[in-house]
Amino acid sequence: MKFVIRAIDGEGKLEKRMEVRPFHFEGMDRMKEHLVCAGGLLDDAGNLKGSLLVMDFQNRQELDEYLAHEIYVVEHVWEQISIDQMNVAYLDGKKVTQ
């Protein structure tokens, strides 16, 4: 199951984000078998304001377990998190569903 995670940082959390960012990347490296793509969301001035991740887990419970240990959650960087299931039709420019 593919999940789209859209997470918006809390007000004034950029400094905290940058402080724990190396640990976030370590976590992403450990989760790479679940990671389809990920990146930072930017505001109009080009500053990081959140994250967007597409991840592949067997079920929502596995996703929730990941989020429980995600450093941006633990350190209260992400304030608003929305999660949707996604049906991937194209991946890397190639059609993957009928």
C-alpha atoms as a PDB file:
ATOM      1  CA  MET A   1       0.000   0.000   0.000  1.00  0.00           C
ATOM      2  CA  LYS A   2       1.346   3.387  -0.973  1.00  0.00           C
ATOM      3  CA  PHE A   3       0.765   6.275   1.425  1.00  0.00           C
ATOM      4  CA  VAL A   4       1.207   9.988   0.809  1.00  0.00           C
ATOM      5  CA  ILE A   5       2.267  11.828   3.957  1.00  0.00           C
ATOM      6  CA  ARG A   6       2.022  15.622   3.894  1.00  0.00           C
ATOM      7  CA  ALA A   7       3.473  17.177   7.023  1.00  0.00           C
ATOM      8  CA  ILE A   8       3.545  20.901   7.755  1.00  0.00           C
ATOM      9  CA  ASP A   9       5.988  22.291  10.295  1.00  0.00           C
ATOM     10  CA  GLY A  10       4.804  24.207  13.329  1.00  0.00           C
ATOM     11  CA  GLU A  11       5.293  27.956  13.477  1.00  0.00           C
ATOM     12  CA  GLY A  12       8.911  28.861  14.203  1.00  0.00           C
ATOM     13  CA  LYS A  13      10.179  25.268  13.869  1.00  0.00           C
ATOM     14  CA  LEU A  14      12.733  25.834  11.085  1.00  0.00           C
ATOM     15  CA  GLU A  15      15.661  26.006  13.529  1.00  0.00           C
ATOM     16  CA  LYS A  16      14.535  22.784  15.254  1.00  0.00           C
ATOM     17  CA  ARG A  17      14.021  21.134  11.845  1.00  0.00           C
ATOM     18  CA  MET A  18      17.570  21.963  10.816  1.00  0.00           C
ATOM     19  CA  GLU A  19      18.938  20.786  14.183  1.00  0.00           C
ATOM     20  CA  VAL A  20      17.398  17.298  13.903  1.00  0.00           C
ATOM     21  CA  ARG A  21      17.540  17.004  10.099  1.00  0.00           C
ATOM     22  CA  PRO A  22      20.635  14.731  10.096  1.00  0.00           C
ATOM     23  CA  PHE A  23      18.696  12.269  12.295  1.00  0.00           C
ATOM     24  CA  HIS A  24      15.723  12.491   9.921  1.00  0.00           C
ATOM     25  CA  PHE A  25      18.004  11.561   7.005  1.00  0.00           C
ATOM     26  CA  GLU A  26      19.465   8.655   9.027  1.00  0.00           C
ATOM     27  CA  GLY A  27      15.908   7.446   9.582  1.00  0.00           C
ATOM     28  CA  MET A  28      15.120   7.772   5.894  1.00  0.00           C
ATOM     29  CA  ASP A  29      18.216   5.703   5.090  1.00  0.00           C
ATOM     30  CA  ARG A  30      16.985   2.978   7.460  1.00  0.00           C
ATOM     31  CA  MET A  31      13.502   3.096   5.899  1.00  0.00           C
ATOM     32  CA  LYS A  32      14.666   3.134   2.270  1.00  0.00           C
ATOM     33  CA  GLU A  33      12.895  -0.134   1.424  1.00  0.00           C
ATOM     34  CA  HIS A  34       9.620   1.656   2.250  1.00  0.00           C
ATOM     35  CA  LEU A  35      10.498   4.958   0.601  1.00  0.00           C
ATOM     36  CA  VAL A  36       9.152   5.750  -2.861  1.00  0.00           C
ATOM     37  CA  CYS A  37      10.077   9.440  -2.783  1.00  0.00           C
ATOM     38  CA  ALA A  38      10.411  12.237  -0.268  1.00  0.00           C
ATOM     39  CA  GLY A  39      11.347  15.884  -0.081  1.00  0.00           C
ATOM     40  CA  GLY A  40      10.889  19.189   1.643  1.00  0.00           C
ATOM     41  CA  LEU A  41       7.978  21.501   0.979  1.00  0.00           C
ATOM     42  CA  LEU A  42       8.980  25.121   0.411  1.00  0.00           C
ATOM     43  CA  ASP A  43       7.257  28.410   1.126  1.00  0.00           C
ATOM     44  CA  ASP A  44       7.191  31.279  -1.402  1.00  0.00           C
ATOM     45  CA  ALA A  45      10.619  32.464  -0.201  1.00  0.00           C
ATOM     46  CA  GLY A  46      12.144  29.013  -0.739  1.00  0.00           C
ATOM     47  CA  ASN A  47      12.351  28.124   2.961  1.00  0.00           C
ATOM     48  CA  LEU A  48      11.472  24.652   4.209  1.00  0.00           C
ATOM     49  CA  LYS A  49       7.971  24.550   5.650  1.00  0.00           C
ATOM     50  CA  GLY A  50       7.213  20.835   5.748  1.00  0.00           C
ATOM     51  CA  SER A  51       7.691  17.475   4.076  1.00  0.00           C
ATOM     52  CA  LEU A  52       6.027  15.267   1.496  1.00  0.00           C
ATOM     53  CA  LEU A  53       6.699  11.538   1.513  1.00  0.00           C
ATOM     54  CA  VAL A  54       5.351   8.665  -0.554  1.00  0.00           C
ATOM     55  CA  MET A  55       5.948   5.431   1.333  1.00  0.00           C
ATOM     56  CA  ASP A  56       5.079   1.785   0.798  1.00  0.00           C
ATOM     57  CA  PHE A  57       3.922  -0.308   3.773  1.00  0.00           C
ATOM     58  CA  GLN A  58       1.917  -3.511   4.091  1.00  0.00           C
ATOM     59  CA  ASN A  59      -0.725  -1.678   6.130  1.00  0.00           C
ATOM     60  CA  ARG A  60      -1.556   1.482   8.062  1.00  0.00           C
ATOM     61  CA  GLN A  61      -0.238  -0.044  11.304  1.00  0.00           C
ATOM     62  CA  GLU A  62       3.281  -0.238   9.841  1.00  0.00           C
ATOM     63  CA  LEU A  63       3.027   3.389   8.725  1.00  0.00           C
ATOM     64  CA  ASP A  64       1.867   4.458  12.184  1.00  0.00           C
ATOM     65  CA  GLU A  65       4.791   2.583  13.758  1.00  0.00           C
ATOM     66  CA  TYR A  66       7.205   4.458  11.494  1.00  0.00           C
ATOM     67  CA  LEU A  67       5.597   7.800  12.372  1.00  0.00           C
ATOM     68  CA  ALA A  68       5.800   7.056  16.103  1.00  0.00           C
ATOM     69  CA  HIS A  69       9.602   7.029  15.758  1.00  0.00           C
ATOM     70  CA  GLU A  70      10.052   9.702  13.069  1.00  0.00           C
ATOM     71  CA  ILE A  71      12.324  12.392  14.570  1.00  0.00           C
ATOM     72  CA  TYR A  72      10.230  15.248  13.157  1.00  0.00           C
ATOM     73  CA  VAL A  73       7.230  13.828  15.050  1.00  0.00           C
ATOM     74  CA  VAL A  74       9.164  13.017  18.231  1.00  0.00           C
ATOM     75  CA  GLU A  75      10.750  16.494  18.295  1.00  0.00           C
ATOM     76  CA  HIS A  76       7.428  18.227  17.433  1.00  0.00           C
ATOM     77  CA  VAL A  77       8.674  19.751  14.168  1.00  0.00           C
ATOM     78  CA  TRP A  78       5.667  18.539  12.176  1.00  0.00           C
ATOM     79  CA  GLU A  79       2.472  20.144  13.450  1.00  0.00           C
ATOM     80  CA  GLN A  80      -0.078  19.044  10.849  1.00  0.00           C
ATOM     81  CA  ILE A  81       0.110  15.609   9.243  1.00  0.00           C
ATOM     82  CA  SER A  82      -2.291  14.324   6.612  1.00  0.00           C
ATOM     83  CA  ILE A  83      -2.146  10.798   5.224  1.00  0.00           C
ATOM     84  CA  ASP A  84      -3.823   9.390   2.140  1.00  0.00           C
ATOM     85  CA  GLN A  85      -3.577   6.038   0.395  1.00  0.00           C
ATOM     86  CA  MET A  86      -2.396   6.297  -3.175  1.00  0.00           C
ATOM     87  CA  ASN A  87      -2.919   4.139  -6.235  1.00  0.00           C
ATOM     88  CA  VAL A  88       0.274   4.534  -8.262  1.00  0.00           C
ATOM     89  CA  ALA A  89      -0.531   4.671 -11.976  1.00  0.00           C
ATOM     90  CA  TYR A  90       2.873   5.876 -13.217  1.00  0.00           C
ATOM     91  CA  LEU A  91       6.292   5.456 -11.647  1.00  0.00           C
ATOM     92  CA  ASP A  92       9.455   6.940 -13.126  1.00  0.00           C
ATOM     93  CA  GLY A  93       7.520   7.819 -16.288  1.00  0.00           C
ATOM     94  CA  LYS A  94       6.249   4.273 -16.783  1.00  0.00           C
ATOM     95  CA  LYS A  95       2.642   3.125 -16.484  1.00  0.00           C
ATOM     96  CA  VAL A  96       2.325   0.549 -13.695  1.00  0.00           C
ATOM     97  CA  THR A  97      -1.447  -0.057 -13.575  1.00  0.00           C
ATOM     98  CA  GLN A  98      -4.060  -0.909 -16.169  1.00  0.00           C
END
